[in-house]
């Protein structure tokens, strides 16, 4: 399943302007913000890349986040810890819950 298929209906070709300062020349966020509040903003934006109610493998989650953020594992963990993505007990399947979860907070 290709990246565009996973986030069909969305145009995420360009990072939001507040995150472009952290991106390298290719547009990939290669260094995360040092301030926790900025990391949280980034994680909350990354949550919008996923379709509500759709199941994803860990590889798909990594690919979706990894299109924009080099340290996709940290952002994935932040999304799981905040409940914006739910991981099965084996860590193989992820789903964005149908009920809205509270975004990551400080």
N, C-alpha and C. Protein backbone atom coordinates (compact mmCIF):
# COMPACT_ATOMS: atom_id res chain seq x y z
N UNK A 1 0.85 -1.17 0.00
CA UNK A 1 0.00 0.00 0.00
C UNK A 1 0.89 1.23 0.00
N UNK A 2 0.70 2.13 -0.95
CA UNK A 2 1.54 3.30 -1.06
C UNK A 2 1.16 4.40 -0.10
N UNK A 3 2.08 5.32 0.10
CA UNK A 3 1.88 6.42 1.03
C UNK A 3 0.64 7.22 0.68
N UNK A 4 0.48 7.58 -0.59
CA UNK A 4 -0.68 8.39 -0.97
C UNK A 4 -1.99 7.65 -0.73
N UNK A 5 -1.98 6.32 -0.87
CA UNK A 5 -3.17 5.53 -0.59
C UNK A 5 -3.51 5.60 0.89
N UNK A 6 -2.50 5.58 1.74
CA UNK A 6 -2.73 5.58 3.18
C UNK A 6 -3.36 6.88 3.66
N UNK A 7 -3.03 7.98 3.01
CA UNK A 7 -3.59 9.25 3.45
C UNK A 7 -4.41 9.89 2.32
N UNK A 8 -5.17 9.07 1.63
CA UNK A 8 -5.95 9.56 0.50
C UNK A 8 -6.87 10.69 0.94
N UNK A 9 -7.05 11.62 0.06
CA UNK A 9 -7.92 12.74 0.35
C UNK A 9 -7.21 13.89 1.05
N UNK A 10 -5.95 13.74 1.35
CA UNK A 10 -5.19 14.79 2.02
C UNK A 10 -4.03 15.21 1.15
N UNK A 11 -3.64 16.48 1.27
CA UNK A 11 -2.47 16.97 0.56
C UNK A 11 -1.43 17.38 1.60
N UNK A 12 -0.46 16.52 1.84
CA UNK A 12 0.57 16.78 2.82
C UNK A 12 1.93 16.89 2.15
N UNK A 13 1.97 17.53 0.99
CA UNK A 13 3.23 17.67 0.28
C UNK A 13 4.16 18.65 0.97
N UNK A 14 3.59 19.58 1.73
CA UNK A 14 4.39 20.62 2.37
C UNK A 14 4.10 20.62 3.87
N UNK A 15 5.15 20.70 4.65
CA UNK A 15 4.98 20.80 6.10
C UNK A 15 4.36 22.14 6.45
N UNK A 16 3.58 22.17 7.53
CA UNK A 16 3.11 23.47 8.01
C UNK A 16 4.29 24.39 8.29
N UNK A 17 4.11 25.66 8.09
CA UNK A 17 5.21 26.62 8.18
C UNK A 17 5.93 26.59 9.52
N UNK A 18 5.21 26.35 10.62
CA UNK A 18 5.87 26.37 11.93
C UNK A 18 6.88 25.24 12.11
N UNK A 19 6.85 24.21 11.25
CA UNK A 19 7.78 23.09 11.36
C UNK A 19 8.87 23.13 10.30
N UNK A 20 8.76 24.00 9.33
CA UNK A 20 9.75 24.04 8.25
C UNK A 20 11.14 24.42 8.74
N UNK A 21 11.23 25.15 9.83
CA UNK A 21 12.53 25.53 10.37
C UNK A 21 13.33 24.31 10.84
N UNK A 22 12.66 23.21 11.15
CA UNK A 22 13.32 21.99 11.61
C UNK A 22 13.66 21.03 10.47
N UNK A 23 13.24 21.37 9.26
CA UNK A 23 13.41 20.47 8.11
C UNK A 23 14.73 20.73 7.40
N UNK A 24 15.26 19.67 6.80
CA UNK A 24 16.46 19.82 5.98
C UNK A 24 16.05 20.27 4.58
N UNK A 25 17.00 20.30 3.66
CA UNK A 25 16.73 20.79 2.31
C UNK A 25 15.72 19.94 1.55
N UNK A 26 15.61 18.66 1.93
CA UNK A 26 14.66 17.79 1.25
C UNK A 26 13.25 17.91 1.82
N UNK A 27 13.09 18.68 2.91
CA UNK A 27 11.79 18.85 3.52
C UNK A 27 11.52 17.89 4.67
N UNK A 28 12.49 17.05 5.01
CA UNK A 28 12.34 16.08 6.09
C UNK A 28 12.78 16.72 7.40
N UNK A 29 11.97 16.57 8.44
CA UNK A 29 12.36 17.08 9.75
C UNK A 29 13.44 16.15 10.28
N UNK A 30 14.68 16.62 10.21
CA UNK A 30 15.81 15.79 10.59
C UNK A 30 16.28 16.07 12.01
N UNK A 31 15.82 17.17 12.58
CA UNK A 31 16.11 17.46 13.98
C UNK A 31 14.82 17.92 14.63
N UNK A 32 14.50 17.29 15.73
CA UNK A 32 13.26 17.63 16.42
C UNK A 32 13.43 18.91 17.22
N UNK A 33 12.34 19.61 17.45
CA UNK A 33 12.42 20.80 18.30
C UNK A 33 12.93 20.41 19.69
N UNK A 34 13.66 21.30 20.33
CA UNK A 34 14.15 21.01 21.67
C UNK A 34 13.07 21.25 22.72
N UNK A 35 12.18 22.18 22.48
CA UNK A 35 11.12 22.48 23.44
C UNK A 35 10.03 21.41 23.34
N UNK A 36 9.64 20.91 24.50
CA UNK A 36 8.60 19.88 24.55
C UNK A 36 7.31 20.37 23.92
N UNK A 37 6.95 21.61 24.14
CA UNK A 37 5.70 22.13 23.59
C UNK A 37 5.70 22.07 22.06
N UNK A 38 6.85 22.29 21.43
CA UNK A 38 6.94 22.20 19.96
C UNK A 38 6.88 20.75 19.49
N UNK A 39 7.49 19.82 20.26
CA UNK A 39 7.38 18.40 19.92
C UNK A 39 5.92 17.97 19.99
N UNK A 40 5.22 18.46 20.99
CA UNK A 40 3.80 18.12 21.14
C UNK A 40 2.99 18.65 19.96
N UNK A 41 3.27 19.88 19.55
CA UNK A 41 2.59 20.43 18.36
C UNK A 41 2.85 19.55 17.14
N UNK A 42 4.10 19.12 16.99
CA UNK A 42 4.47 18.27 15.87
C UNK A 42 3.73 16.93 15.92
N UNK A 43 3.66 16.33 17.11
CA UNK A 43 2.94 15.06 17.26
C UNK A 43 1.46 15.24 16.96
N UNK A 44 0.88 16.33 17.43
CA UNK A 44 -0.54 16.58 17.15
C UNK A 44 -0.79 16.75 15.66
N UNK A 45 0.13 17.40 14.96
CA UNK A 45 -0.01 17.53 13.51
C UNK A 45 0.12 16.15 12.86
N UNK A 46 1.09 15.35 13.32
CA UNK A 46 1.30 14.02 12.74
C UNK A 46 0.05 13.16 12.90
N UNK A 47 -0.71 13.36 13.96
CA UNK A 47 -1.94 12.59 14.16
C UNK A 47 -2.95 12.84 13.04
N UNK A 48 -2.88 14.01 12.44
CA UNK A 48 -3.82 14.33 11.35
C UNK A 48 -3.51 13.56 10.07
N UNK A 49 -2.36 12.91 10.01
CA UNK A 49 -1.98 12.14 8.83
C UNK A 49 -2.72 10.80 8.74
N UNK A 50 -3.41 10.43 9.80
CA UNK A 50 -4.06 9.12 9.86
C UNK A 50 -5.58 9.26 9.76
N UNK A 51 -6.18 8.31 9.06
CA UNK A 51 -7.63 8.26 8.88
C UNK A 51 -8.27 7.61 10.10
N UNK A 52 -9.29 8.24 10.63
CA UNK A 52 -10.01 7.70 11.78
C UNK A 52 -10.63 6.36 11.43
N UNK A 53 -10.44 5.38 12.32
CA UNK A 53 -11.04 4.06 12.14
C UNK A 53 -10.29 3.13 11.20
N UNK A 54 -9.21 3.58 10.61
CA UNK A 54 -8.42 2.77 9.69
C UNK A 54 -7.31 2.06 10.46
N UNK A 55 -7.10 0.78 10.16
CA UNK A 55 -6.01 0.03 10.78
C UNK A 55 -4.75 0.17 9.94
N UNK A 56 -3.62 0.28 10.63
CA UNK A 56 -2.32 0.40 10.00
C UNK A 56 -1.37 -0.60 10.63
N UNK A 57 -0.45 -1.12 9.85
CA UNK A 57 0.64 -1.92 10.41
C UNK A 57 1.67 -0.94 10.98
N UNK A 58 2.59 -1.46 11.78
CA UNK A 58 3.65 -0.59 12.30
C UNK A 58 4.49 -0.02 11.16
N UNK A 59 4.72 -0.84 10.15
CA UNK A 59 5.48 -0.38 8.99
C UNK A 59 4.77 0.79 8.31
N UNK A 60 3.46 0.69 8.15
CA UNK A 60 2.70 1.78 7.52
C UNK A 60 2.74 3.06 8.37
N UNK A 61 2.60 2.91 9.67
CA UNK A 61 2.68 4.07 10.56
C UNK A 61 4.05 4.72 10.43
N UNK A 62 5.10 3.92 10.44
CA UNK A 62 6.46 4.44 10.30
C UNK A 62 6.65 5.15 8.97
N UNK A 63 6.10 4.58 7.90
CA UNK A 63 6.23 5.19 6.57
C UNK A 63 5.49 6.52 6.50
N UNK A 64 4.30 6.58 7.07
CA UNK A 64 3.51 7.81 7.01
C UNK A 64 4.22 8.92 7.77
N UNK A 65 4.60 8.65 9.00
CA UNK A 65 5.30 9.66 9.79
C UNK A 65 6.66 9.94 9.19
N UNK A 66 7.35 8.89 8.74
CA UNK A 66 8.70 9.02 8.19
C UNK A 66 8.78 9.82 6.91
N UNK A 67 7.67 10.03 6.24
CA UNK A 67 7.67 10.90 5.05
C UNK A 67 8.03 12.33 5.43
N UNK A 68 7.82 12.69 6.71
CA UNK A 68 8.03 14.06 7.15
C UNK A 68 9.02 14.19 8.30
N UNK A 69 9.16 13.13 9.13
CA UNK A 69 9.94 13.23 10.36
C UNK A 69 10.92 12.06 10.43
N UNK A 70 12.20 12.37 10.55
CA UNK A 70 13.22 11.34 10.61
C UNK A 70 13.05 10.45 11.85
N UNK A 71 12.80 11.05 13.01
CA UNK A 71 12.63 10.28 14.24
C UNK A 71 11.15 9.89 14.39
N UNK A 72 10.69 9.06 13.45
CA UNK A 72 9.28 8.66 13.45
C UNK A 72 8.92 7.84 14.68
N UNK A 73 9.89 7.12 15.26
CA UNK A 73 9.59 6.27 16.42
C UNK A 73 9.17 7.10 17.63
N UNK A 74 9.84 8.21 17.87
CA UNK A 74 9.47 9.07 18.99
C UNK A 74 8.06 9.62 18.81
N UNK A 75 7.77 10.10 17.62
CA UNK A 75 6.44 10.67 17.36
C UNK A 75 5.38 9.58 17.46
N UNK A 76 5.67 8.39 16.95
CA UNK A 76 4.73 7.26 17.07
C UNK A 76 4.44 6.96 18.53
N UNK A 77 5.47 6.92 19.35
CA UNK A 77 5.28 6.67 20.79
C UNK A 77 4.45 7.77 21.44
N UNK A 78 4.70 9.01 21.07
CA UNK A 78 3.92 10.12 21.62
C UNK A 78 2.44 9.97 21.25
N UNK A 79 2.18 9.56 20.02
CA UNK A 79 0.79 9.38 19.58
C UNK A 79 0.12 8.23 20.33
N UNK A 80 0.85 7.15 20.56
CA UNK A 80 0.29 6.01 21.29
C UNK A 80 0.07 6.39 22.76
N UNK A 81 1.05 7.03 23.37
CA UNK A 81 0.93 7.41 24.77
C UNK A 81 -0.22 8.38 25.03
N UNK A 82 -0.51 9.21 24.04
CA UNK A 82 -1.60 10.18 24.21
C UNK A 82 -2.96 9.60 23.83
N UNK A 83 -2.97 8.40 23.24
CA UNK A 83 -4.23 7.79 22.82
C UNK A 83 -4.71 8.21 21.45
N UNK A 84 -3.89 9.00 20.74
CA UNK A 84 -4.29 9.42 19.39
C UNK A 84 -4.14 8.29 18.38
N UNK A 85 -3.28 7.33 18.69
CA UNK A 85 -3.19 6.06 17.97
C UNK A 85 -3.26 4.97 19.03
N UNK A 86 -3.98 3.91 18.73
CA UNK A 86 -4.08 2.78 19.65
C UNK A 86 -3.35 1.61 19.02
N UNK A 87 -2.46 1.00 19.82
CA UNK A 87 -1.66 -0.13 19.34
C UNK A 87 -2.22 -1.41 19.95
N UNK A 88 -2.26 -2.49 19.16
CA UNK A 88 -2.71 -3.76 19.72
C UNK A 88 -1.66 -4.28 20.70
N UNK A 89 -2.01 -5.28 21.45
CA UNK A 89 -1.12 -5.75 22.51
C UNK A 89 0.17 -6.36 21.97
N UNK A 90 0.21 -6.69 20.70
CA UNK A 90 1.41 -7.27 20.10
C UNK A 90 2.28 -6.20 19.40
N UNK A 91 1.77 -4.98 19.32
CA UNK A 91 2.51 -3.90 18.68
C UNK A 91 2.57 -3.99 17.18
N UNK A 92 1.64 -4.74 16.58
CA UNK A 92 1.67 -4.93 15.13
C UNK A 92 0.62 -4.12 14.38
N UNK A 93 -0.48 -3.80 15.03
CA UNK A 93 -1.55 -3.05 14.39
C UNK A 93 -1.83 -1.77 15.17
N UNK A 94 -2.09 -0.71 14.44
CA UNK A 94 -2.41 0.59 15.02
C UNK A 94 -3.71 1.07 14.40
N UNK A 95 -4.47 1.83 15.16
CA UNK A 95 -5.70 2.41 14.65
C UNK A 95 -5.89 3.79 15.27
N UNK A 96 -6.38 4.71 14.47
CA UNK A 96 -6.77 6.01 15.02
C UNK A 96 -8.20 5.82 15.50
N UNK A 97 -8.44 5.97 16.80
CA UNK A 97 -9.77 5.68 17.34
C UNK A 97 -10.85 6.58 16.74
N UNK A 98 -12.05 6.03 16.68
CA UNK A 98 -13.19 6.79 16.15
C UNK A 98 -13.55 7.93 17.07
N UNK A 99 -13.48 7.70 18.37
CA UNK A 99 -13.75 8.79 19.31
C UNK A 99 -12.51 9.66 19.39
N UNK A 100 -12.73 10.95 19.40
CA UNK A 100 -11.60 11.88 19.45
C UNK A 100 -10.91 11.80 20.80
N UNK A 101 -9.62 11.62 20.76
CA UNK A 101 -8.80 11.61 21.96
C UNK A 101 -8.24 13.02 22.17
N UNK A 102 -7.92 13.31 23.39
CA UNK A 102 -7.30 14.58 23.70
C UNK A 102 -5.91 14.62 23.08
N UNK A 103 -5.57 15.69 22.38
CA UNK A 103 -4.22 15.79 21.82
C UNK A 103 -3.17 15.72 22.93
N UNK A 104 -1.95 15.44 22.53
CA UNK A 104 -0.84 15.42 23.47
C UNK A 104 -0.80 16.77 24.17
N UNK A 105 -0.60 16.75 25.48
CA UNK A 105 -0.52 18.00 26.24
C UNK A 105 0.75 18.03 27.07
N UNK A 106 1.11 19.23 27.49
CA UNK A 106 2.30 19.42 28.32
C UNK A 106 2.00 18.95 29.73
